[in-house]
């Protein structure tokens, strides 16, 4: 197999629901950071960015961009709380959309 045999995810996301996948991960993320025992100043700032992610006039980045830029922090959170489903979803998003 050479490089021409594999799709280049940076060229085409056709058929991949990156927006839907990112929304599901954001919902899963909120399951954790909505718990006062699991949140901190970082997640509160992240929550503020997510709150305006759908507003092109107010946002710094959309939800997908925020997830991709913070995949390591989100992964750490999911690992800390043994959220295997969240980790699998995040890995898929990173592989297909980031």
PDB file of N, CA and C in Angstrom:
ATOM      1  N   UNK A   1       0.840  -1.178   0.000  1.00  0.00           N
ATOM      2  CA  UNK A   1       0.000   0.000   0.000  1.00  0.00           C
ATOM      3  C   UNK A   1       0.888   1.246   0.000  1.00  0.00           C
ATOM      4  N   UNK A   2       0.590   2.171  -0.879  1.00  0.00           N
ATOM      5  CA  UNK A   2       1.334   3.423  -0.885  1.00  0.00           C
ATOM      6  C   UNK A   2       0.405   4.572  -0.492  1.00  0.00           C
ATOM      7  N   UNK A   3       0.924   5.773  -0.453  1.00  0.00           N
ATOM      8  CA  UNK A   3       0.171   6.944   0.012  1.00  0.00           C
ATOM      9  C   UNK A   3      -1.089   7.206  -0.804  1.00  0.00           C
ATOM     10  N   UNK A   4      -1.118   6.775  -2.047  1.00  0.00           N
ATOM     11  CA  UNK A   4      -2.299   7.032  -2.887  1.00  0.00           C
ATOM     12  C   UNK A   4      -3.455   6.089  -2.560  1.00  0.00           C
ATOM     13  N   UNK A   5      -3.203   5.033  -1.780  1.00  0.00           N
ATOM     14  CA  UNK A   5      -4.238   4.060  -1.438  1.00  0.00           C
ATOM     15  C   UNK A   5      -5.092   4.480  -0.238  1.00  0.00           C
ATOM     16  N   UNK A   6      -4.683   5.472   0.497  1.00  0.00           N
ATOM     17  CA  UNK A   6      -5.428   5.887   1.680  1.00  0.00           C
ATOM     18  C   UNK A   6      -5.995   7.279   1.483  1.00  0.00           C
ATOM     19  N   UNK A   7      -7.219   7.497   1.943  1.00  0.00           N
ATOM     20  CA  UNK A   7      -7.801   8.837   1.794  1.00  0.00           C
ATOM     21  C   UNK A   7      -7.076   9.854   2.668  1.00  0.00           C
ATOM     22  N   UNK A   8      -6.952  11.038   2.174  1.00  0.00           N
ATOM     23  CA  UNK A   8      -6.331  12.121   2.928  1.00  0.00           C
ATOM     24  C   UNK A   8      -7.449  12.899   3.611  1.00  0.00           C
ATOM     25  N   UNK A   9      -7.573  12.730   4.922  1.00  0.00           N
ATOM     26  CA  UNK A   9      -8.681  13.362   5.642  1.00  0.00           C
ATOM     27  C   UNK A   9      -8.616  14.881   5.587  1.00  0.00           C
ATOM     28  N   UNK A  10      -7.479  15.445   5.277  1.00  0.00           N
ATOM     29  CA  UNK A  10      -7.374  16.896   5.197  1.00  0.00           C
ATOM     30  C   UNK A  10      -7.898  17.438   3.870  1.00  0.00           C
ATOM     31  N   UNK A  11      -8.122  16.571   2.906  1.00  0.00           N
ATOM     32  CA  UNK A  11      -8.635  16.991   1.616  1.00  0.00           C
ATOM     33  C   UNK A  11     -10.156  16.938   1.595  1.00  0.00           C
ATOM     34  N   UNK A  12     -10.726  15.915   2.193  1.00  0.00           N
ATOM     35  CA  UNK A  12     -12.176  15.751   2.105  1.00  0.00           C
ATOM     36  C   UNK A  12     -12.753  15.152   3.371  1.00  0.00           C
ATOM     37  N   UNK A  13     -13.797  15.790   3.870  1.00  0.00           N
ATOM     38  CA  UNK A  13     -14.550  15.258   4.994  1.00  0.00           C
ATOM     39  C   UNK A  13     -15.906  14.763   4.511  1.00  0.00           C
ATOM     40  N   UNK A  14     -16.052  14.569   3.211  1.00  0.00           N
ATOM     41  CA  UNK A  14     -17.317  14.147   2.627  1.00  0.00           C
ATOM     42  C   UNK A  14     -17.792  12.844   3.273  1.00  0.00           C
ATOM     43  N   UNK A  15     -19.027  12.860   3.731  1.00  0.00           N
ATOM     44  CA  UNK A  15     -19.608  11.675   4.342  1.00  0.00           C
ATOM     45  C   UNK A  15     -19.309  11.520   5.820  1.00  0.00           C
ATOM     46  N   UNK A  16     -18.517  12.407   6.398  1.00  0.00           N
ATOM     47  CA  UNK A  16     -18.203  12.345   7.825  1.00  0.00           C
ATOM     48  C   UNK A  16     -18.976  13.465   8.522  1.00  0.00           C
ATOM     49  N   UNK A  17     -19.723  13.110   9.544  1.00  0.00           N
ATOM     50  CA  UNK A  17     -20.527  14.087  10.280  1.00  0.00           C
ATOM     51  C   UNK A  17     -19.701  14.714  11.403  1.00  0.00           C
ATOM     52  N   UNK A  18     -18.735  15.531  11.024  1.00  0.00           N
ATOM     53  CA  UNK A  18     -17.855  16.157  12.013  1.00  0.00           C
ATOM     54  C   UNK A  18     -18.634  17.056  12.970  1.00  0.00           C
ATOM     55  N   UNK A  19     -19.584  17.805  12.455  1.00  0.00           N
ATOM     56  CA  UNK A  19     -20.379  18.690  13.316  1.00  0.00           C
ATOM     57  C   UNK A  19     -21.207  17.884  14.311  1.00  0.00           C
ATOM     58  N   UNK A  20     -21.867  16.837  13.830  1.00  0.00           N
ATOM     59  CA  UNK A  20     -22.661  15.992  14.713  1.00  0.00           C
ATOM     60  C   UNK A  20     -21.800  15.291  15.753  1.00  0.00           C
ATOM     61  N   UNK A  21     -20.657  14.788  15.323  1.00  0.00           N
ATOM     62  CA  UNK A  21     -19.742  14.123  16.254  1.00  0.00           C
ATOM     63  C   UNK A  21     -19.229  15.104  17.301  1.00  0.00           C
ATOM     64  N   UNK A  22     -18.927  16.315  16.892  1.00  0.00           N
ATOM     65  CA  UNK A  22     -18.434  17.302  17.860  1.00  0.00           C
ATOM     66  C   UNK A  22     -19.539  17.673  18.856  1.00  0.00           C
ATOM     67  N   UNK A  23     -20.778  17.796  18.386  1.00  0.00           N
ATOM     68  CA  UNK A  23     -21.882  18.106  19.311  1.00  0.00           C
ATOM     69  C   UNK A  23     -22.059  17.001  20.354  1.00  0.00           C
ATOM     70  N   UNK A  24     -21.923  15.749  19.948  1.00  0.00           N
ATOM     71  CA  UNK A  24     -22.067  14.635  20.892  1.00  0.00           C
ATOM     72  C   UNK A  24     -20.941  14.653  21.928  1.00  0.00           C
ATOM     73  N   UNK A  25     -19.757  14.995  21.510  1.00  0.00           N
ATOM     74  CA  UNK A  25     -18.643  15.072  22.462  1.00  0.00           C
ATOM     75  C   UNK A  25     -18.832  16.247  23.399  1.00  0.00           C
ATOM     76  N   UNK A  26     -19.312  17.362  22.893  1.00  0.00           N
ATOM     77  CA  UNK A  26     -19.571  18.515  23.754  1.00  0.00           C
ATOM     78  C   UNK A  26     -20.623  18.158  24.807  1.00  0.00           C
ATOM     79  N   UNK A  27     -21.674  17.446  24.415  1.00  0.00           N
ATOM     80  CA  UNK A  27     -22.680  16.993  25.384  1.00  0.00           C
ATOM     81  C   UNK A  27     -22.040  16.102  26.437  1.00  0.00           C
ATOM     82  N   UNK A  28     -21.173  15.206  26.005  1.00  0.00           N
ATOM     83  CA  UNK A  28     -20.490  14.290  26.931  1.00  0.00           C
ATOM     84  C   UNK A  28     -19.566  15.078  27.853  1.00  0.00           C
ATOM     85  N   UNK A  29     -18.889  16.063  27.309  1.00  0.00           N
ATOM     86  CA  UNK A  29     -18.009  16.913  28.106  1.00  0.00           C
ATOM     87  C   UNK A  29     -18.797  17.637  29.187  1.00  0.00           C
ATOM     88  N   UNK A  30     -19.961  18.172  28.818  1.00  0.00           N
ATOM     89  CA  UNK A  30     -20.805  18.856  29.798  1.00  0.00           C
ATOM     90  C   UNK A  30     -21.235  17.917  30.926  1.00  0.00           C
ATOM     91  N   UNK A  31     -21.410  16.622  30.640  1.00  0.00           N
ATOM     92  CA  UNK A  31     -21.760  15.673  31.700  1.00  0.00           C
ATOM     93  C   UNK A  31     -20.732  15.725  32.826  1.00  0.00           C
ATOM     94  N   UNK A  32     -19.502  15.979  32.469  1.00  0.00           N
ATOM     95  CA  UNK A  32     -18.437  16.037  33.474  1.00  0.00           C
ATOM     96  C   UNK A  32     -18.301  17.436  34.060  1.00  0.00           C
ATOM     97  N   UNK A  33     -18.157  18.442  33.212  1.00  0.00           N
ATOM     98  CA  UNK A  33     -17.836  19.772  33.741  1.00  0.00           C
ATOM     99  C   UNK A  33     -19.039  20.482  34.357  1.00  0.00           C
ATOM    100  N   UNK A  34     -20.242  19.958  34.163  1.00  0.00           N
ATOM    101  CA  UNK A  34     -21.398  20.513  34.869  1.00  0.00           C
ATOM    102  C   UNK A  34     -21.409  20.085  36.332  1.00  0.00           C
ATOM    103  N   UNK A  35     -20.619  19.086  36.666  1.00  0.00           N
ATOM    104  CA  UNK A  35     -20.479  18.624  38.041  1.00  0.00           C
ATOM    105  C   UNK A  35     -19.460  19.531  38.737  1.00  0.00           C
ATOM    106  N   UNK A  36     -19.874  20.276  39.762  1.00  0.00           N
ATOM    107  CA  UNK A  36     -18.935  21.194  40.435  1.00  0.00           C
ATOM    108  C   UNK A  36     -17.662  20.505  40.951  1.00  0.00           C
ATOM    109  N   UNK A  37     -17.747  19.221  41.251  1.00  0.00           N
ATOM    110  CA  UNK A  37     -16.570  18.503  41.742  1.00  0.00           C
ATOM    111  C   UNK A  37     -15.562  18.204  40.626  1.00  0.00           C
ATOM    112  N   UNK A  38     -15.983  18.310  39.370  1.00  0.00           N
ATOM    113  CA  UNK A  38     -15.105  17.961  38.248  1.00  0.00           C
ATOM    114  C   UNK A  38     -14.633  19.167  37.450  1.00  0.00           C
ATOM    115  N   UNK A  39     -15.166  20.333  37.724  1.00  0.00           N
ATOM    116  CA  UNK A  39     -14.792  21.498  36.924  1.00  0.00           C
ATOM    117  C   UNK A  39     -13.670  22.277  37.605  1.00  0.00           C
ATOM    118  N   UNK A  40     -13.111  23.209  36.878  1.00  0.00           N
ATOM    119  CA  UNK A  40     -12.070  24.097  37.405  1.00  0.00           C
ATOM    120  C   UNK A  40     -12.049  25.359  36.536  1.00  0.00           C
ATOM    121  N   UNK A  41     -11.119  26.245  36.769  1.00  0.00           N
ATOM    122  CA  UNK A  41     -11.065  27.505  36.028  1.00  0.00           C
ATOM    123  C   UNK A  41     -10.900  27.271  34.523  1.00  0.00           C
ATOM    124  N   UNK A  42     -10.108  26.279  34.137  1.00  0.00           N
ATOM    125  CA  UNK A  42      -9.926  25.996  32.715  1.00  0.00           C
ATOM    126  C   UNK A  42     -11.258  25.633  32.074  1.00  0.00           C
ATOM    127  N   UNK A  43     -11.993  24.704  32.700  1.00  0.00           N
ATOM    128  CA  UNK A  43     -13.255  24.253  32.116  1.00  0.00           C
ATOM    129  C   UNK A  43     -14.308  25.349  32.143  1.00  0.00           C
ATOM    130  N   UNK A  44     -14.250  26.232  33.103  1.00  0.00           N
ATOM    131  CA  UNK A  44     -15.190  27.355  33.116  1.00  0.00           C
ATOM    132  C   UNK A  44     -14.912  28.302  31.950  1.00  0.00           C
ATOM    133  N   UNK A  45     -13.644  28.556  31.648  1.00  0.00           N
ATOM    134  CA  UNK A  45     -13.295  29.374  30.471  1.00  0.00           C
ATOM    135  C   UNK A  45     -13.693  28.652  29.181  1.00  0.00           C
ATOM    136  N   UNK A  46     -13.473  27.346  29.152  1.00  0.00           N
ATOM    137  CA  UNK A  46     -13.845  26.547  27.988  1.00  0.00           C
ATOM    138  C   UNK A  46     -15.355  26.603  27.790  1.00  0.00           C
ATOM    139  N   UNK A  47     -16.114  26.502  28.865  1.00  0.00           N
ATOM    140  CA  UNK A  47     -17.569  26.581  28.815  1.00  0.00           C
ATOM    141  C   UNK A  47     -18.007  27.932  28.226  1.00  0.00           C
ATOM    142  N   UNK A  48     -17.339  29.008  28.615  1.00  0.00           N
ATOM    143  CA  UNK A  48     -17.675  30.339  28.080  1.00  0.00           C
ATOM    144  C   UNK A  48     -17.416  30.406  26.573  1.00  0.00           C
ATOM    145  N   UNK A  49     -16.350  29.784  26.118  1.00  0.00           N
ATOM    146  CA  UNK A  49     -16.060  29.750  24.678  1.00  0.00           C
ATOM    147  C   UNK A  49     -17.106  28.923  23.934  1.00  0.00           C
ATOM    148  N   UNK A  50     -17.494  27.800  24.514  1.00  0.00           N
ATOM    149  CA  UNK A  50     -18.526  26.966  23.897  1.00  0.00           C
ATOM    150  C   UNK A  50     -19.865  27.698  23.816  1.00  0.00           C
ATOM    151  N   UNK A  51     -20.136  28.531  24.810  1.00  0.00           N
ATOM    152  CA  UNK A  51     -21.418  29.242  24.858  1.00  0.00           C
ATOM    153  C   UNK A  51     -21.610  30.152  23.655  1.00  0.00           C
ATOM    154  N   UNK A  52     -20.535  30.645  23.074  1.00  0.00           N
ATOM    155  CA  UNK A  52     -20.637  31.534  21.914  1.00  0.00           C
ATOM    156  C   UNK A  52     -20.116  30.895  20.626  1.00  0.00           C
ATOM    157  N   UNK A  53     -19.809  29.605  20.682  1.00  0.00           N
ATOM    158  CA  UNK A  53     -19.203  28.916  19.535  1.00  0.00           C
ATOM    159  C   UNK A  53     -20.106  28.917  18.305  1.00  0.00           C
ATOM    160  N   UNK A  54     -21.413  28.992  18.495  1.00  0.00           N
ATOM    161  CA  UNK A  54     -22.336  28.987  17.354  1.00  0.00           C
ATOM    162  C   UNK A  54     -22.630  30.385  16.818  1.00  0.00           C
ATOM    163  N   UNK A  55     -22.098  31.401  17.459  1.00  0.00           N
ATOM    164  CA  UNK A  55     -22.349  32.782  17.041  1.00  0.00           C
ATOM    165  C   UNK A  55     -21.112  33.341  16.334  1.00  0.00           C
ATOM    166  N   UNK A  56     -21.148  33.424  15.001  1.00  0.00           N
ATOM    167  CA  UNK A  56     -19.953  33.875  14.273  1.00  0.00           C
ATOM    168  C   UNK A  56     -19.506  35.290  14.628  1.00  0.00           C
ATOM    169  N   UNK A  57     -20.376  36.094  15.196  1.00  0.00           N
ATOM    170  CA  UNK A  57     -19.989  37.457  15.561  1.00  0.00           C
ATOM    171  C   UNK A  57     -19.300  37.532  16.916  1.00  0.00           C
ATOM    172  N   UNK A  58     -19.495  36.528  17.758  1.00  0.00           N
ATOM    173  CA  UNK A  58     -18.931  36.560  19.113  1.00  0.00           C
ATOM    174  C   UNK A  58     -17.827  35.534  19.343  1.00  0.00           C
ATOM    175  N   UNK A  59     -17.810  34.489  18.555  1.00  0.00           N
ATOM    176  CA  UNK A  59     -16.912  33.373  18.832  1.00  0.00           C
ATOM    177  C   UNK A  59     -15.471  33.640  18.426  1.00  0.00           C
ATOM    178  N   UNK A  60     -14.586  32.941  19.101  1.00  0.00           N
ATOM    179  CA  UNK A  60     -13.186  32.873  18.697  1.00  0.00           C
ATOM    180  C   UNK A  60     -12.978  31.646  17.811  1.00  0.00           C
ATOM    181  N   UNK A  61     -13.801  30.609  18.067  1.00  0.00           N
ATOM    182  CA  UNK A  61     -13.709  29.360  17.308  1.00  0.00           C
ATOM    183  C   UNK A  61     -15.040  28.631  17.428  1.00  0.00           C
ATOM    184  N   UNK A  62     -15.335  27.790  16.430  1.00  0.00           N
ATOM    185  CA  UNK A  62     -16.551  26.979  16.536  1.00  0.00           C
ATOM    186  C   UNK A  62     -16.264  25.761  17.416  1.00  0.00           C
ATOM    187  N   UNK A  63     -17.313  24.984  17.697  1.00  0.00           N
ATOM    188  CA  UNK A  63     -17.175  23.849  18.596  1.00  0.00           C
ATOM    189  C   UNK A  63     -16.152  22.836  18.138  1.00  0.00           C
ATOM    190  N   UNK A  64     -16.158  22.501  16.861  1.00  0.00           N
ATOM    191  CA  UNK A  64     -15.200  21.534  16.335  1.00  0.00           C
ATOM    192  C   UNK A  64     -13.771  22.031  16.515  1.00  0.00           C
ATOM    193  N   UNK A  65     -13.542  23.273  16.212  1.00  0.00           N
ATOM    194  CA  UNK A  65     -12.199  23.845  16.375  1.00  0.00           C
ATOM    195  C   UNK A  65     -11.772  23.815  17.847  1.00  0.00           C
ATOM    196  N   UNK A  66     -12.688  24.157  18.744  1.00  0.00           N
ATOM    197  CA  UNK A  66     -12.362  24.134  20.167  1.00  0.00           C
ATOM    198  C   UNK A  66     -12.003  22.726  20.626  1.00  0.00           C
ATOM    199  N   UNK A  67     -12.753  21.747  20.165  1.00  0.00           N
ATOM    200  CA  UNK A  67     -12.450  20.364  20.543  1.00  0.00           C
ATOM    201  C   UNK A  67     -11.091  19.937  20.002  1.00  0.00           C
ATOM    202  N   UNK A  68     -10.849  20.203  18.735  1.00  0.00           N
ATOM    203  CA  UNK A  68      -9.587  19.787  18.118  1.00  0.00           C
ATOM    204  C   UNK A  68      -8.384  20.467  18.771  1.00  0.00           C
ATOM    205  N   UNK A  69      -8.538  21.716  19.144  1.00  0.00           N
ATOM    206  CA  UNK A  69      -7.438  22.460  19.751  1.00  0.00           C
ATOM    207  C   UNK A  69      -7.181  22.042  21.205  1.00  0.00           C
ATOM    208  N   UNK A  70      -8.155  21.372  21.807  1.00  0.00           N
ATOM    209  CA  UNK A  70      -8.031  21.008  23.224  1.00  0.00           C
ATOM    210  C   UNK A  70      -8.185  19.508  23.448  1.00  0.00           C
ATOM    211  N   UNK A  71      -7.915  18.719  22.427  1.00  0.00           N
ATOM    212  CA  UNK A  71      -8.141  17.282  22.509  1.00  0.00           C
ATOM    213  C   UNK A  71      -7.379  16.646  23.672  1.00  0.00           C
ATOM    214  N   UNK A  72      -6.181  17.112  23.972  1.00  0.00           N
ATOM    215  CA  UNK A  72      -5.403  16.512  25.055  1.00  0.00           C
ATOM    216  C   UNK A  72      -6.030  16.776  26.418  1.00  0.00           C
ATOM    217  N   UNK A  73      -6.541  17.978  26.623  1.00  0.00           N
ATOM    218  CA  UNK A  73      -7.195  18.303  27.895  1.00  0.00           C
ATOM    219  C   UNK A  73      -8.486  17.498  28.064  1.00  0.00           C
ATOM    220  N   UNK A  74      -9.237  17.383  26.981  1.00  0.00           N
ATOM    221  CA  UNK A  74     -10.490  16.631  27.024  1.00  0.00           C
ATOM    222  C   UNK A  74     -10.193  15.155  27.263  1.00  0.00           C
ATOM    223  N   UNK A  75      -9.178  14.653  26.599  1.00  0.00           N
ATOM    224  CA  UNK A  75      -8.764  13.269  26.792  1.00  0.00           C
ATOM    225  C   UNK A  75      -8.371  13.019  28.248  1.00  0.00           C
ATOM    226  N   UNK A  76      -7.615  13.928  28.827  1.00  0.00           N
ATOM    227  CA  UNK A  76      -7.224  13.801  30.235  1.00  0.00           C
ATOM    228  C   UNK A  76      -8.447  13.761  31.142  1.00  0.00           C
ATOM    229  N   UNK A  77      -9.430  14.609  30.866  1.00  0.00           N
ATOM    230  CA  UNK A  77     -10.652  14.635  31.673  1.00  0.00           C
ATOM    231  C   UNK A  77     -11.389  13.304  31.561  1.00  0.00           C
ATOM    232  N   UNK A  78     -11.573  12.827  30.334  1.00  0.00           N
ATOM    233  CA  UNK A  78     -12.266  11.555  30.134  1.00  0.00           C
ATOM    234  C   UNK A  78     -11.500  10.403  30.794  1.00  0.00           C
ATOM    235  N   UNK A  79     -10.172  10.428  30.693  1.00  0.00           N
ATOM    236  CA  UNK A  79      -9.370   9.383  31.336  1.00  0.00           C
ATOM    237  C   UNK A  79      -9.506   9.443  32.850  1.00  0.00           C
ATOM    238  N   UNK A  80      -9.446  10.643  33.398  1.00  0.00           N
ATOM    239  CA  UNK A  80      -9.535  10.805  34.853  1.00  0.00           C
ATOM    240  C   UNK A  80     -10.835  10.225  35.406  1.00  0.00           C
ATOM    241  N   UNK A  81     -11.922  10.382  34.659  1.00  0.00           N
ATOM    242  CA  UNK A  81     -13.219   9.901  35.125  1.00  0.00           C
ATOM    243  C   UNK A  81     -13.642   8.599  34.439  1.00  0.00           C
ATOM    244  N   UNK A  82     -12.643   7.908  33.862  1.00  0.00           N
ATOM    245  CA  UNK A  82     -12.828   6.583  33.266  1.00  0.00           C
ATOM    246  C   UNK A  82     -14.013   6.532  32.302  1.00  0.00           C
ATOM    247  N   UNK A  83     -14.103   7.543  31.467  1.00  0.00           N
ATOM    248  CA  UNK A  83     -15.165   7.635  30.468  1.00  0.00           C
ATOM    249  C   UNK A  83     -14.655   7.039  29.155  1.00  0.00           C
ATOM    250  N   UNK A  84     -14.735   5.729  29.055  1.00  0.00           N
ATOM    251  CA  UNK A  84     -14.224   5.028  27.876  1.00  0.00           C
ATOM    252  C   UNK A  84     -15.000   5.395  26.615  1.00  0.00           C
ATOM    253  N   UNK A  85     -16.302   5.563  26.738  1.00  0.00           N
ATOM    254  CA  UNK A  85     -17.104   5.938  25.569  1.00  0.00           C
ATOM    255  C   UNK A  85     -16.709   7.329  25.079  1.00  0.00           C
ATOM    256  N   UNK A  86     -16.520   8.255  26.001  1.00  0.00           N
ATOM    257  CA  UNK A  86     -16.080   9.597  25.626  1.00  0.00           C
ATOM    258  C   UNK A  86     -14.722   9.569  24.945  1.00  0.00           C
ATOM    259  N   UNK A  87     -13.805   8.753  25.466  1.00  0.00           N
ATOM    260  CA  UNK A  87     -12.476   8.628  24.853  1.00  0.00           C
ATOM    261  C   UNK A  87     -12.572   8.069  23.440  1.00  0.00           C
ATOM    262  N   UNK A  88     -13.405   7.058  23.248  1.00  0.00           N
ATOM    263  CA  UNK A  88     -13.564   6.474  21.911  1.00  0.00           C
ATOM    264  C   UNK A  88     -14.138   7.502  20.944  1.00  0.00           C
ATOM    265  N   UNK A  89     -15.127   8.250  21.393  1.00  0.00           N
ATOM    266  CA  UNK A  89     -15.719   9.286  20.541  1.00  0.00           C
ATOM    267  C   UNK A  89     -14.681  10.344  20.182  1.00  0.00           C
ATOM    268  N   UNK A  90     -13.879  10.736  21.164  1.00  0.00           N
ATOM    269  CA  UNK A  90     -12.859  11.759  20.944  1.00  0.00           C
ATOM    270  C   UNK A  90     -11.789  11.266  19.978  1.00  0.00           C
ATOM    271  N   UNK A  91     -11.361  10.016  20.128  1.00  0.00           N
ATOM    272  CA  UNK A  91     -10.364   9.451  19.202  1.00  0.00           C
ATOM    273  C   UNK A  91     -10.889   9.449  17.767  1.00  0.00           C
ATOM    274  N   UNK A  92     -12.150   9.071  17.615  1.00  0.00           N
ATOM    275  CA  UNK A  92     -12.748   9.050  16.281  1.00  0.00           C
ATOM    276  C   UNK A  92     -12.787  10.467  15.692  1.00  0.00           C
ATOM    277  N   UNK A  93     -13.200  11.432  16.507  1.00  0.00           N
ATOM    278  CA  UNK A  93     -13.240  12.816  16.034  1.00  0.00           C
ATOM    279  C   UNK A  93     -11.851  13.278  15.622  1.00  0.00           C
ATOM    280  N   UNK A  94     -10.874  12.979  16.449  1.00  0.00           N
ATOM    281  CA  UNK A  94      -9.499  13.405  16.146  1.00  0.00           C
ATOM    282  C   UNK A  94      -9.012  12.757  14.851  1.00  0.00           C
ATOM    283  N   UNK A  95      -9.282  11.476  14.675  1.00  0.00           N
ATOM    284  CA  UNK A  95      -8.828  10.764  13.470  1.00  0.00           C
ATOM    285  C   UNK A  95      -9.541  11.243  12.213  1.00  0.00           C
ATOM    286  N   UNK A  96     -10.817  11.534  12.318  1.00  0.00           N
ATOM    287  CA  UNK A  96     -11.608  11.853  11.134  1.00  0.00           C
ATOM    288  C   UNK A  96     -11.742  13.343  10.837  1.00  0.00           C
ATOM    289  N   UNK A  97     -11.654  14.179  11.860  1.00  0.00           N
ATOM    290  CA  UNK A  97     -12.069  15.574  11.653  1.00  0.00           C
ATOM    291  C   UNK A  97     -11.055  16.642  12.072  1.00  0.00           C
ATOM    292  N   UNK A  98     -10.073  16.287  12.881  1.00  0.00           N
ATOM    293  CA  UNK A  98      -9.156  17.318  13.370  1.00  0.00           C
ATOM    294  C   UNK A  98      -7.934  17.468  12.496  1.00  0.00           C
TER     295      UNK A  98
END
